[in-house]
């Protein structure tokens, strides 16, 4: 069964489940209404016979009605979940067919000064991030973007590869996490504020022992006075005085109680959106070391802790009930007890919030890459080599090009100080080849699978010079911007031995004579510095000159012109390209060319 068929099958199964739950929901709606009317009729009838007995007799029906309401809400939530999971699978099937659907493009992570981000289309429409990302929490989105822009250490890459391979097979977990994460509509600032609240101890100035003594001792004193006034000759004014005195005690803590209620309510609503993810992760059996580490950091306590804070929030809300407020505080100092419980929760779980958010983020980033492997089973994990330098890819293609349209090529560099100089006609595939290699290096060093049948990659610092735009605000032309980037590449190559550069159309912004002189000089210095990378050019004289340079190999992308039409194979060939197509393209656009003019 193909991946698309799996998604379609899952879509139909979830749609059937949602339809079944809808019928249950509608049947229970009638039963709920009937039970309410029955309770009301019975209450009216029995109340007329004996008010107290009637009220007591109808209590079981009221309790049953409450259970019905809870069950009804659970069915409604389950129906919504099944409907959304059906939609998630439908969307995945559509994307596999090539349809564009709005996705998270990560535009805010775009950085023109980054060594390769803009050149390799990491962010934006039809970008690598848009293809990969199924993270929905702010931390998850930021972490995935960071992984794409910063290579991991070899040991970390191997751990991620193992986790990604395991998550690729856990489609239920990945989609359930996505469903719950979509509900998290909080910003990074809000989640950061929540984590800071968890770590903040500034409000806890009073002695914990004193407050606990007051919280338990004063209600005990009040209840004892009430008992004695009923059993002995103790004046009733004593328990009444203690009852009213409770509110004077609470007044001393009213500001902190109000602040605690506001924080508890707001943060409980935020954390409840994470509970589904915490519960799903806690209930899953993992094998890979990284996933087990993440599960351990979340532990079995994260989901129960969230539910506990939710109950505290509900208890604070019940203060709005006049009877609960009056008797709960007059007899038991209820508000003071809630303040202490909130403090206790914050002491126990507050310092762990950052870890919970980061663990969720790591899971989202790994699941995004696991989904890529599941959707593209022909992708493979590269071998990360820490010894002898290797940069090898077999059948490498561009991950953003559909597999049935992607032409694959080879890369083989077994030593440092190797440069491929690539010539070719316009539209023959030079730039796409450079981007294919670059974007696969990015995936490899993030821990993701690459679009290749096999790959061996040494730890690499990638730098590119492909799209050098002018900057009017800095009074920088596109040519000067290219020179700055080329200087950066040369400087870094001289300082480090792990640089791999991608240079597309070297010195394209100047005249042919200057371009040739500058290109020969730059190429020679890169080779002398032991640089490794790919350079494309239209300068055939540079390619001829490169024959004399040790470590430089000429490759080309050719065009076949037959009957006035262009035919490309998009394959890399050894040697220098001599086929030209610019004049033919201009003719096809209606620009007249004088063939006799030299």
Protein backbone atom coordinates (compact mmCIF):
# COMPACT_ATOMS: atom_id res chain seq x y z
CA UNK A 1 0.00 0.00 0.00
CA UNK A 2 1.39 3.40 -0.98
CA UNK A 3 1.75 6.25 1.49
CA UNK A 4 -1.06 8.17 -0.24
CA UNK A 5 -3.35 5.15 0.06
CA UNK A 6 -2.56 4.87 3.77
CA UNK A 7 -3.57 8.50 4.30
CA UNK A 8 -6.77 8.03 2.29
CA UNK A 9 -7.65 4.89 4.24
CA UNK A 10 -7.07 6.67 7.53
CA UNK A 11 -9.13 9.63 6.37
CA UNK A 12 -12.11 7.36 5.58
CA UNK A 13 -11.76 5.52 8.91
CA UNK A 14 -11.74 8.77 10.92
CA UNK A 15 -14.67 10.14 8.90
CA UNK A 16 -16.66 7.00 9.72
CA UNK A 17 -15.71 7.33 13.38
CA UNK A 18 -16.80 10.99 13.42
CA UNK A 19 -20.13 10.08 11.79
CA UNK A 20 -20.75 7.34 14.36
CA UNK A 21 -19.93 9.69 17.23
CA UNK A 22 -22.25 12.32 15.77
CA UNK A 23 -25.14 9.84 15.88
CA UNK A 24 -24.30 8.96 19.49
CA UNK A 25 -24.17 12.64 20.35
CA UNK A 26 -27.60 13.28 18.82
CA UNK A 27 -29.18 10.27 20.61
CA UNK A 28 -27.72 11.40 23.92
CA UNK A 29 -29.03 14.92 23.31
CA UNK A 30 -32.59 13.53 23.25
CA UNK A 31 -31.95 11.37 26.33
CA UNK A 32 -30.41 14.32 28.14
CA UNK A 33 -33.42 16.50 27.40
CA UNK A 34 -35.79 13.70 28.41
CA UNK A 35 -33.95 13.10 31.68
CA UNK A 36 -34.06 16.82 32.48
CA UNK A 37 -37.81 17.01 31.88
CA UNK A 38 -38.37 13.84 33.92
CA UNK A 39 -36.35 15.25 36.82
CA UNK A 40 -38.26 18.52 36.67
CA UNK A 41 -41.67 16.77 36.56
CA UNK A 42 -40.74 14.44 39.41
CA UNK A 43 -39.46 17.34 41.49
CA UNK A 44 -42.70 19.29 40.98
CA UNK A 45 -44.87 16.23 41.78
CA UNK A 46 -42.97 15.09 44.87
CA UNK A 47 -42.41 18.63 46.13
CA UNK A 48 -46.19 19.05 46.25
CA UNK A 49 -46.49 15.92 48.43
CA UNK A 50 -43.55 16.44 50.73
CA UNK A 51 -40.97 19.18 49.91
CA UNK A 52 -37.99 17.62 51.74
CA UNK A 53 -38.69 14.07 50.61
CA UNK A 54 -39.26 15.28 47.05
CA UNK A 55 -35.96 17.11 46.94
CA UNK A 56 -34.09 14.07 48.31
CA UNK A 57 -35.80 11.69 45.89
CA UNK A 58 -34.87 13.73 42.82
CA UNK A 59 -31.18 14.05 43.82
CA UNK A 60 -30.15 10.73 42.14
CA UNK A 61 -31.72 11.92 38.89
CA UNK A 62 -29.86 15.20 39.12
CA UNK A 63 -26.61 13.30 39.69
CA UNK A 64 -27.37 11.05 36.71
CA UNK A 65 -28.05 14.14 34.61
CA UNK A 66 -24.65 15.52 35.61
CA UNK A 67 -22.96 12.30 34.47
CA UNK A 68 -24.88 12.49 31.20
CA UNK A 69 -23.62 16.03 30.62
CA UNK A 70 -20.01 14.96 31.22
CA UNK A 71 -20.33 11.95 28.91
CA UNK A 72 -22.04 14.10 26.31
CA UNK A 73 -19.14 16.57 26.32
CA UNK A 74 -16.60 13.74 25.98
CA UNK A 75 -18.41 12.41 22.92
CA UNK A 76 -18.48 15.91 21.43
CA UNK A 77 -14.72 16.26 21.96
CA UNK A 78 -14.05 12.78 20.51
CA UNK A 79 -16.14 13.64 17.44
CA UNK A 80 -14.21 16.88 16.90
CA UNK A 81 -10.93 15.00 17.26
CA UNK A 82 -11.93 12.31 14.74
CA UNK A 83 -13.09 14.96 12.25
CA UNK A 84 -9.82 16.88 12.56
CA UNK A 85 -7.71 13.72 12.21
CA UNK A 86 -9.64 12.89 9.05
CA UNK A 87 -8.83 16.37 7.72
CA UNK A 88 -5.13 15.99 8.66
CA UNK A 89 -4.89 12.79 6.62
CA UNK A 90 -6.75 14.35 3.70
CA UNK A 91 -4.30 17.26 3.72
CA UNK A 92 -1.30 14.92 3.73
CA UNK A 93 -2.70 13.01 0.77
CA UNK A 94 -3.27 16.27 -1.12
CA UNK A 95 0.28 17.43 -0.50
CA UNK A 96 1.65 14.12 -1.75
CA UNK A 97 -0.27 14.65 -4.98
CA UNK A 98 1.47 17.99 -5.47
CA UNK A 99 -1.37 20.28 -4.36
CA UNK A 100 -0.24 23.39 -2.51
CA UNK A 101 -1.98 23.99 0.80
CA UNK A 102 -1.26 26.91 3.13
CA UNK A 103 1.40 25.88 5.63
CA UNK A 104 3.73 27.46 8.15
CA UNK A 105 6.36 29.10 5.96
CA UNK A 106 8.58 30.24 8.85
CA UNK A 107 9.00 33.68 7.28
CA UNK A 108 10.03 35.23 10.59
CA UNK A 109 13.12 32.99 10.70
CA UNK A 110 14.49 34.20 7.36
CA UNK A 111 17.89 35.84 7.80
CA UNK A 112 19.66 37.32 4.74
CA UNK A 113 22.95 37.41 6.67
CA UNK A 114 22.89 33.69 7.44
CA UNK A 115 25.62 31.67 5.67
CA UNK A 116 23.17 29.68 3.51
CA UNK A 117 19.55 30.20 4.62
CA UNK A 118 18.36 32.46 1.77
CA UNK A 119 20.27 30.71 -1.01
CA UNK A 120 18.87 27.29 -0.15
CA UNK A 121 15.23 28.37 0.39
CA UNK A 122 15.10 27.30 4.01
CA UNK A 123 12.14 29.59 4.75
CA UNK A 124 9.25 31.04 2.77
CA UNK A 125 6.76 29.67 0.27
CA UNK A 126 7.82 26.28 -1.15
CA UNK A 127 10.73 26.19 1.31
CA UNK A 128 12.37 23.34 3.19
CA UNK A 129 10.84 24.56 6.46
CA UNK A 130 7.36 24.67 4.89
CA UNK A 131 7.87 21.14 3.58
CA UNK A 132 9.09 19.81 6.92
CA UNK A 133 7.33 21.68 9.68
CA UNK A 134 4.40 20.16 11.51
CA UNK A 135 5.40 21.80 14.78
CA UNK A 136 2.70 24.07 16.19
CA UNK A 137 4.02 25.22 19.56
CA UNK A 138 6.22 28.34 19.52
CA UNK A 139 9.12 26.39 21.02
CA UNK A 140 8.75 23.61 18.45
CA UNK A 141 8.73 26.00 15.50
CA UNK A 142 11.78 27.90 16.77
CA UNK A 143 13.68 24.70 17.53
CA UNK A 144 13.12 23.21 14.07
CA UNK A 145 14.24 26.48 12.46
CA UNK A 146 17.35 26.48 14.66
CA UNK A 147 18.17 22.88 13.72
CA UNK A 148 18.05 23.77 10.03
CA UNK A 149 20.38 26.74 10.54
CA UNK A 150 22.91 25.17 12.91
CA UNK A 151 24.62 21.80 12.29
CA UNK A 152 24.50 19.39 15.21
CA UNK A 153 27.43 17.45 16.58
CA UNK A 154 27.89 13.95 15.08
CA UNK A 155 26.77 12.16 18.26
CA UNK A 156 23.60 14.28 18.44
CA UNK A 157 22.89 13.66 14.74
CA UNK A 158 23.01 9.91 15.28
CA UNK A 159 20.63 10.17 18.25
CA UNK A 160 18.20 12.23 16.18
CA UNK A 161 18.40 9.79 13.27
CA UNK A 162 17.43 6.93 15.55
CA UNK A 163 14.53 8.92 17.01
CA UNK A 164 13.33 10.12 13.60
CA UNK A 165 13.35 6.55 12.26
CA UNK A 166 11.23 5.39 15.21
CA UNK A 167 8.77 8.30 14.98
CA UNK A 168 8.34 7.78 11.23
CA UNK A 169 6.54 4.53 12.04
CA UNK A 170 4.38 6.02 14.81
CA UNK A 171 1.84 7.76 12.61
CA UNK A 172 -0.87 7.68 15.30
CA UNK A 173 1.37 9.45 17.81
CA UNK A 174 2.57 12.02 15.27
CA UNK A 175 -0.95 12.94 14.22
CA UNK A 176 -2.28 12.97 17.77
CA UNK A 177 0.52 15.32 18.80
CA UNK A 178 -0.34 17.54 15.84
CA UNK A 179 -4.01 17.58 16.81
CA UNK A 180 -3.30 18.70 20.38
CA UNK A 181 -0.50 21.10 19.39
CA UNK A 182 -2.88 22.92 17.03
CA UNK A 183 -4.87 23.98 20.09
CA UNK A 184 -1.87 25.76 21.59
CA UNK A 185 -2.46 29.33 20.51
CA UNK A 186 -0.08 30.97 22.98
CA UNK A 187 2.90 33.05 21.89
CA UNK A 188 6.50 32.47 22.89
CA UNK A 189 6.25 35.50 25.20
CA UNK A 190 3.22 34.03 27.00
CA UNK A 191 4.89 30.65 27.49
CA UNK A 192 8.08 32.33 28.68
CA UNK A 193 6.04 34.33 31.19
CA UNK A 194 4.42 31.10 32.39
CA UNK A 195 7.82 29.47 32.90
CA UNK A 196 9.05 32.54 34.78
CA UNK A 197 5.96 32.41 37.00
CA UNK A 198 6.83 28.80 37.79
CA UNK A 199 10.34 29.75 38.90
CA UNK A 200 9.45 32.99 40.70
CA UNK A 201 9.56 32.72 44.50
CA UNK A 202 9.38 36.44 45.27
CA UNK A 203 5.76 36.27 46.44
CA UNK A 204 6.54 33.62 49.05
CA UNK A 205 7.69 35.98 51.79
CA UNK A 206 5.55 34.62 54.61
CA UNK A 207 6.68 31.65 56.60
CA UNK A 208 5.27 28.49 55.11
CA UNK A 209 4.96 26.92 58.54
CA UNK A 210 2.98 29.88 59.90
CA UNK A 211 0.53 29.84 56.98
CA UNK A 212 0.01 26.09 57.25
CA UNK A 213 -0.58 26.43 60.99
CA UNK A 214 -3.08 29.22 60.36
CA UNK A 215 -4.75 27.35 57.51
CA UNK A 216 -5.35 24.21 59.58
CA UNK A 217 -5.42 25.61 63.13
CA UNK A 218 -7.93 28.44 62.76
CA UNK A 219 -10.67 26.31 61.09
CA UNK A 220 -10.12 23.62 63.73
CA UNK A 221 -10.60 26.26 66.43
CA UNK A 222 -13.79 27.52 64.76
CA UNK A 223 -15.28 24.04 64.35
CA UNK A 224 -14.38 23.17 67.95
CA UNK A 225 -16.11 26.33 69.20
CA UNK A 226 -19.25 25.48 67.19
CA UNK A 227 -19.28 21.95 68.66
CA UNK A 228 -18.81 23.19 72.20
CA UNK A 229 -21.50 25.82 71.84
CA UNK A 230 -23.92 23.10 70.81
CA UNK A 231 -22.85 20.59 73.47
CA UNK A 232 -22.06 22.88 76.38
CA UNK A 233 -23.00 26.28 77.73
CA UNK A 234 -20.36 28.08 75.62
CA UNK A 235 -21.87 31.28 74.27
CA UNK A 236 -22.79 31.23 70.59
CA UNK A 237 -21.05 34.55 70.17
CA UNK A 238 -17.68 32.78 70.37
CA UNK A 239 -18.05 30.62 67.20
CA UNK A 240 -19.80 33.52 65.48
CA UNK A 241 -16.86 35.78 66.32
CA UNK A 242 -14.41 33.19 65.00
CA UNK A 243 -16.54 32.74 61.87
CA UNK A 244 -16.48 36.47 61.12
CA UNK A 245 -12.85 36.72 62.17
CA UNK A 246 -11.94 34.36 59.28
CA UNK A 247 -12.66 37.15 56.82
CA UNK A 248 -10.36 39.53 58.72
CA UNK A 249 -7.61 36.90 58.48
CA UNK A 250 -8.20 36.53 54.75
CA UNK A 251 -8.15 40.28 54.24
CA UNK A 252 -4.45 40.29 55.16
CA UNK A 253 -3.78 37.98 52.19
CA UNK A 254 -6.45 39.28 49.80
CA UNK A 255 -4.02 40.83 47.32
CA UNK A 256 -1.88 37.70 47.04
CA UNK A 257 -4.97 35.48 46.80
CA UNK A 258 -6.31 37.60 43.92
CA UNK A 259 -2.97 37.50 42.11
CA UNK A 260 -2.68 33.77 42.67
CA UNK A 261 -6.18 33.21 41.30
CA UNK A 262 -5.49 35.26 38.16
CA UNK A 263 -2.18 33.50 37.51
CA UNK A 264 -3.59 30.06 38.26
CA UNK A 265 -6.57 30.52 35.95
CA UNK A 266 -4.54 31.90 33.05
CA UNK A 267 -1.69 29.41 33.29
CA UNK A 268 -4.03 26.45 33.83
CA UNK A 269 -5.83 27.24 30.56
CA UNK A 270 -2.47 27.41 28.76
CA UNK A 271 -1.11 24.18 30.21
CA UNK A 272 -4.35 22.29 29.57
CA UNK A 273 -3.55 22.66 25.86
CA UNK A 274 -0.36 20.65 26.45
CA UNK A 275 -2.02 17.91 28.47
CA UNK A 276 -2.99 15.80 25.45
CA UNK A 277 0.61 15.77 24.20
CA UNK A 278 1.98 14.93 27.65
CA UNK A 279 -0.51 12.09 28.04
CA UNK A 280 0.15 10.67 24.56
CA UNK A 281 3.92 10.67 25.11
CA UNK A 282 3.59 9.14 28.57
CA UNK A 283 1.46 6.27 27.19
CA UNK A 284 3.84 5.43 24.30
CA UNK A 285 6.56 2.77 24.45
CA UNK A 286 9.80 4.12 22.98
CA UNK A 287 13.07 2.39 22.13
CA UNK A 288 15.46 5.09 20.90
CA UNK A 289 17.68 6.78 23.49
CA UNK A 290 16.62 10.34 22.64
CA UNK A 291 12.89 9.60 22.83
CA UNK A 292 13.35 7.75 26.12
CA UNK A 293 15.25 10.77 27.46
CA UNK A 294 12.44 13.11 26.39
CA UNK A 295 9.83 10.81 27.91
CA UNK A 296 11.78 10.70 31.16
CA UNK A 297 11.92 14.51 31.32
CA UNK A 298 8.18 14.71 30.85
CA UNK A 299 7.71 11.72 33.11
CA UNK A 300 4.35 10.34 34.13
CA UNK A 301 3.69 13.44 36.23
CA UNK A 302 3.33 16.18 33.59
CA UNK A 303 -0.24 15.33 32.54
CA UNK A 304 -1.51 14.75 36.14
CA UNK A 305 0.18 17.99 37.23
CA UNK A 306 -1.67 19.90 34.53
CA UNK A 307 -4.97 18.36 35.63
CA UNK A 308 -4.19 19.27 39.23
CA UNK A 309 -3.62 22.91 38.29
CA UNK A 310 -6.89 22.81 36.35
CA UNK A 311 -8.74 21.64 39.46
CA UNK A 312 -7.17 24.46 41.47
CA UNK A 313 -8.33 26.91 38.83
CA UNK A 314 -11.88 25.51 39.00
CA UNK A 315 -11.80 25.76 42.78
CA UNK A 316 -10.77 29.42 42.54
CA UNK A 317 -13.63 30.05 40.11
CA UNK A 318 -16.14 28.59 42.56
CA UNK A 319 -15.35 31.55 44.85
CA UNK A 320 -17.88 33.43 42.75
CA UNK A 321 -20.61 31.30 44.35
CA UNK A 322 -21.78 33.29 47.37
CA UNK A 323 -22.53 30.25 49.54
CA UNK A 324 -19.20 28.59 48.74
CA UNK A 325 -17.37 31.82 49.49
CA UNK A 326 -19.27 32.51 52.73
CA UNK A 327 -19.21 29.10 54.37
CA UNK A 328 -16.02 27.82 52.74
CA UNK A 329 -14.01 30.74 54.09
CA UNK A 330 -15.95 31.31 57.33
CA UNK A 331 -15.52 27.71 58.39
CA UNK A 332 -12.36 26.48 56.59
CA UNK A 333 -10.35 29.51 55.35
CA UNK A 334 -10.79 27.98 51.90
CA UNK A 335 -9.07 30.82 49.99
CA UNK A 336 -5.97 30.53 52.15
CA UNK A 337 -5.89 26.79 51.47
CA UNK A 338 -6.08 27.40 47.72
CA UNK A 339 -3.23 29.91 47.97
CA UNK A 340 -1.09 27.33 49.77
CA UNK A 341 -1.95 24.60 47.25
CA UNK A 342 -1.05 26.90 44.36
CA UNK A 343 2.27 27.69 46.03
CA UNK A 344 2.90 24.01 46.59
CA UNK A 345 2.14 23.24 42.93
CA UNK A 346 4.54 25.95 41.84
CA UNK A 347 7.30 24.62 44.12
CA UNK A 348 6.84 21.07 42.81
CA UNK A 349 6.30 21.68 39.10
CA UNK A 350 7.15 25.31 38.32
CA UNK A 351 10.89 24.74 37.74
CA UNK A 352 10.03 21.89 35.32
CA UNK A 353 7.92 23.95 32.92
CA UNK A 354 10.89 24.95 30.75
CA UNK A 355 11.85 21.28 30.41
CA UNK A 356 8.29 20.34 29.52
CA UNK A 357 8.13 22.96 26.79
CA UNK A 358 11.56 22.05 25.41
CA UNK A 359 10.76 18.33 25.47
CA UNK A 360 7.56 18.99 23.55
CA UNK A 361 9.53 21.12 21.07
CA UNK A 362 12.10 18.39 20.50
CA UNK A 363 9.34 15.87 19.91
CA UNK A 364 7.64 18.17 17.39
CA UNK A 365 10.88 18.78 15.50
CA UNK A 366 11.73 15.07 15.43
CA UNK A 367 8.17 14.16 14.42
CA UNK A 368 8.34 16.67 11.55
CA UNK A 369 11.43 14.91 10.22
CA UNK A 370 9.83 11.52 10.90
CA UNK A 371 6.88 12.52 8.75
CA UNK A 372 9.31 13.40 5.93
CA UNK A 373 10.83 9.92 6.09
CA UNK A 374 7.38 8.32 6.18
CA UNK A 375 6.17 10.32 3.18
CA UNK A 376 9.39 9.80 1.22
CA UNK A 377 10.51 6.23 2.01
CA UNK A 378 13.23 6.41 -0.68
CA UNK A 379 15.12 8.92 1.49
CA UNK A 380 17.98 7.56 3.55
CA UNK A 381 20.02 8.53 6.58
CA UNK A 382 23.58 9.58 5.78
CA UNK A 383 26.57 8.10 7.53
CA UNK A 384 28.30 10.83 9.56
CA UNK A 385 32.07 10.36 9.20
CA UNK A 386 34.39 11.76 11.85
CA UNK A 387 37.67 10.46 10.48
CA UNK A 388 38.85 10.89 6.90
CA UNK A 389 36.98 13.64 5.07
CA UNK A 390 34.12 12.40 2.91
CA UNK A 391 31.40 14.24 1.05
CA UNK A 392 29.62 11.62 -1.00
CA UNK A 393 26.05 11.32 -2.21
CA UNK A 394 24.67 8.73 -4.56
CA UNK A 395 21.55 9.56 -6.57
CA UNK A 396 21.21 12.93 -4.82
CA UNK A 397 18.15 15.01 -5.68
CA UNK A 398 16.40 18.16 -4.50
CA UNK A 399 13.88 17.32 -1.71
CA UNK A 400 11.45 20.04 -2.83
CA UNK A 401 11.12 18.58 -6.35
CA UNK A 402 8.57 15.73 -6.71
CA UNK A 403 10.36 12.40 -6.96
CA UNK A 404 8.85 11.53 -10.34
CA UNK A 405 10.26 14.76 -11.81
CA UNK A 406 13.57 14.92 -9.97
CA UNK A 407 16.78 14.06 -11.85
CA UNK A 408 19.45 12.75 -9.49
CA UNK A 409 23.22 13.21 -9.60
CA UNK A 410 26.32 12.03 -7.82
CA UNK A 411 28.84 13.77 -5.59
CA UNK A 412 32.14 12.13 -4.64
CA UNK A 413 34.80 13.96 -2.60
CA UNK A 414 37.03 11.75 -0.47
CA UNK A 415 39.64 14.32 0.50
CA UNK A 416 39.65 17.95 1.52
CA UNK A 417 40.78 20.53 -0.99
CA UNK A 418 38.53 19.29 -3.78
CA UNK A 419 36.52 21.70 -5.93
CA UNK A 420 34.02 20.90 -8.65
CA UNK A 421 33.96 23.64 -11.31
CA UNK A 422 30.69 23.29 -13.16
CA UNK A 423 30.01 24.83 -16.54
CA UNK A 424 26.79 24.61 -18.49
CA UNK A 425 24.24 26.43 -20.54
CA UNK A 426 21.31 28.34 -19.12
CA UNK A 427 18.56 26.26 -17.49
CA UNK A 428 20.66 23.08 -17.75
CA UNK A 429 20.55 22.41 -13.99
CA UNK A 430 23.74 23.88 -12.50
CA UNK A 431 22.05 25.94 -9.78
CA UNK A 432 19.59 23.16 -8.92
CA UNK A 433 22.50 20.76 -8.51
CA UNK A 434 24.25 23.12 -6.10
CA UNK A 435 21.06 23.59 -4.10
CA UNK A 436 20.39 19.84 -4.07
CA UNK A 437 23.75 19.16 -2.49
CA UNK A 438 23.43 22.09 -0.08
CA UNK A 439 19.94 21.30 1.13
CA UNK A 440 20.81 17.64 1.65
CA UNK A 441 23.79 18.70 3.78
CA UNK A 442 21.40 20.84 5.83
CA UNK A 443 19.01 17.91 6.32
CA UNK A 444 21.85 15.54 7.15
CA UNK A 445 23.27 17.76 9.87
CA UNK A 446 19.83 18.39 11.36
CA UNK A 447 19.39 14.63 11.84
CA UNK A 448 16.90 14.19 9.00
CA UNK A 449 16.99 11.76 6.08
CA UNK A 450 18.35 13.01 2.75
CA UNK A 451 17.17 12.57 -0.82
CA UNK A 452 19.83 10.10 -1.88
CA UNK A 453 20.18 6.33 -2.12
CA UNK A 454 23.34 6.55 0.01
CA UNK A 455 25.42 9.31 1.58
CA UNK A 456 28.57 9.74 3.66
CA UNK A 457 29.13 13.20 5.11
CA UNK A 458 31.85 14.65 7.30
CA UNK A 459 30.92 17.41 9.79
CA UNK A 460 30.66 20.51 7.64
CA UNK A 461 30.22 24.27 7.91
CA UNK A 462 28.21 25.28 4.88
CA UNK A 463 28.56 28.72 3.25
CA UNK A 464 26.93 29.78 -0.01
CA UNK A 465 27.06 32.66 -2.47
CA UNK A 466 24.15 32.31 -4.84
CA UNK A 467 21.62 35.11 -4.42
CA UNK A 468 23.44 38.27 -3.49
CA UNK A 469 20.97 41.13 -3.39
CA UNK A 470 21.73 44.82 -3.18
CA UNK A 471 20.99 46.73 0.02
CA UNK A 472 19.87 50.31 -0.62
CA UNK A 473 19.79 51.17 3.07
CA UNK A 474 23.46 50.21 3.39
CA UNK A 475 24.41 51.63 -0.02
CA UNK A 476 25.61 48.19 -1.18
CA UNK A 477 25.25 47.00 -4.78
CA UNK A 478 24.59 43.37 -5.62
CA UNK A 479 28.15 43.01 -6.96
CA UNK A 480 29.64 44.41 -3.77
CA UNK A 481 27.35 42.13 -1.74
CA UNK A 482 28.75 39.19 -3.73
CA UNK A 483 32.31 40.32 -3.06
CA UNK A 484 31.59 40.51 0.67
CA UNK A 485 30.19 36.98 0.64
CA UNK A 486 33.15 35.65 -1.38
CA UNK A 487 35.56 37.30 1.07
CA UNK A 488 33.72 35.60 3.92
CA UNK A 489 34.04 32.23 2.18
CA UNK A 490 37.77 32.74 1.57
CA UNK A 491 38.43 33.95 5.12
CA UNK A 492 36.52 31.06 6.69
CA UNK A 493 38.22 28.54 4.38
CA UNK A 494 41.62 29.81 5.51
CA UNK A 495 40.63 29.57 9.17
CA UNK A 496 38.79 26.23 9.18
CA UNK A 497 39.12 22.92 7.41
CA UNK A 498 35.45 21.95 7.60
CA UNK A 499 34.07 24.61 5.24
CA UNK A 500 32.06 23.45 2.23
CA UNK A 501 31.11 26.30 -0.13
CA UNK A 502 28.53 26.70 -2.88
CA UNK A 503 29.22 29.51 -5.36
CA UNK A 504 26.76 30.01 -8.20
CA UNK A 505 27.80 32.06 -11.27
CA UNK A 506 31.02 33.36 -9.78
CA UNK A 507 31.50 37.16 -10.15
CA UNK A 508 28.44 37.50 -12.35
CA UNK A 509 28.11 41.22 -11.67
CA UNK A 510 31.12 42.51 -13.62
CA UNK A 511 32.52 42.52 -17.17
CA UNK A 512 33.95 39.36 -18.70
CA UNK A 513 37.61 40.40 -18.44
CA UNK A 514 37.41 41.37 -14.78
CA UNK A 515 35.26 38.33 -14.05
CA UNK A 516 37.84 36.00 -15.56
CA UNK A 517 40.82 37.55 -13.74
CA UNK A 518 38.96 37.67 -10.44
CA UNK A 519 37.62 34.14 -10.80
CA UNK A 520 41.06 32.69 -11.55
CA UNK A 521 42.51 34.48 -8.51
CA UNK A 522 39.69 33.40 -6.17
CA UNK A 523 39.70 29.80 -7.36
CA UNK A 524 43.46 29.58 -6.94
CA UNK A 525 43.32 30.95 -3.39
CA UNK A 526 40.47 28.64 -2.39
CA UNK A 527 42.42 25.64 -3.68
CA UNK A 528 45.59 26.82 -1.94
CA UNK A 529 43.67 27.18 1.33
CA UNK A 530 42.46 23.58 1.01
CA UNK A 531 38.86 24.56 0.34
CA UNK A 532 36.14 22.13 -0.72
CA UNK A 533 32.98 22.96 -2.58
CA UNK A 534 31.08 23.52 -5.80
CA UNK A 535 31.42 26.49 -8.15
CA UNK A 536 29.30 27.10 -11.25
CA UNK A 537 30.34 29.46 -14.02
CA UNK A 538 29.73 30.46 -17.63
CA UNK A 539 33.41 31.33 -17.97
CA UNK A 540 34.78 28.59 -20.23
CA UNK A 541 38.26 30.13 -20.11
CA UNK A 542 38.21 29.69 -16.34
CA UNK A 543 37.36 26.03 -16.85
CA UNK A 544 40.31 25.67 -19.22
CA UNK A 545 42.56 27.36 -16.68
CA UNK A 546 41.29 25.03 -13.96
CA UNK A 547 42.77 22.04 -15.80
CA UNK A 548 46.14 23.21 -14.48
CA UNK A 549 44.96 23.48 -10.86
CA UNK A 550 45.44 20.56 -8.53
CA UNK A 551 42.24 19.48 -6.81
CA UNK A 552 39.87 21.15 -9.32
CA UNK A 553 37.70 18.91 -11.48
CA UNK A 554 35.63 20.13 -14.42
CA UNK A 555 32.03 18.98 -14.75
CA UNK A 556 29.23 20.22 -16.96
CA UNK A 557 25.50 20.23 -17.60
CA UNK A 558 24.82 19.93 -21.30
CA UNK A 559 22.02 20.95 -23.64
CA UNK A 560 21.10 19.20 -26.85
CA UNK A 561 19.72 21.44 -29.61
CA UNK A 562 17.63 19.56 -32.17
CA UNK A 563 15.45 21.24 -34.73
CA UNK A 564 15.75 24.60 -33.03
CA UNK A 565 14.55 23.15 -29.72
CA UNK A 566 16.38 22.65 -26.44
CA UNK A 567 16.63 19.27 -24.73
CA UNK A 568 18.13 18.91 -21.23
CA UNK A 569 19.02 15.74 -19.37
CA UNK A 570 19.93 17.65 -16.16
CA UNK A 571 22.75 15.19 -15.56
CA UNK A 572 26.26 16.07 -14.47
CA UNK A 573 28.93 15.04 -17.01
CA UNK A 574 32.74 15.05 -16.74
CA UNK A 575 34.53 17.81 -18.64
CA UNK A 576 33.84 21.33 -19.86
CA UNK A 577 30.53 22.34 -21.45
CA UNK A 578 30.69 23.90 -24.91
CA UNK A 579 26.99 23.92 -25.80
CA UNK A 580 25.42 27.39 -25.72
CA UNK A 581 21.75 28.28 -25.74
CA UNK A 582 21.46 31.98 -24.88
CA UNK A 583 21.06 33.17 -28.49
CA UNK A 584 18.48 30.49 -29.21
CA UNK A 585 16.46 31.49 -26.15
CA UNK A 586 16.58 35.13 -27.21
CA UNK A 587 15.36 34.24 -30.70
CA UNK A 588 12.48 32.25 -29.23
CA UNK A 589 11.50 35.37 -27.26
CA UNK A 590 11.41 37.46 -30.45
CA UNK A 591 14.79 39.17 -30.08
CA UNK A 592 16.51 39.32 -33.45
CA UNK A 593 20.11 38.12 -33.51
CA UNK A 594 22.55 38.97 -36.31
CA UNK A 595 24.48 35.75 -36.77
CA UNK A 596 27.15 37.53 -38.88
CA UNK A 597 27.96 40.12 -36.25
CA UNK A 598 31.09 39.22 -34.28
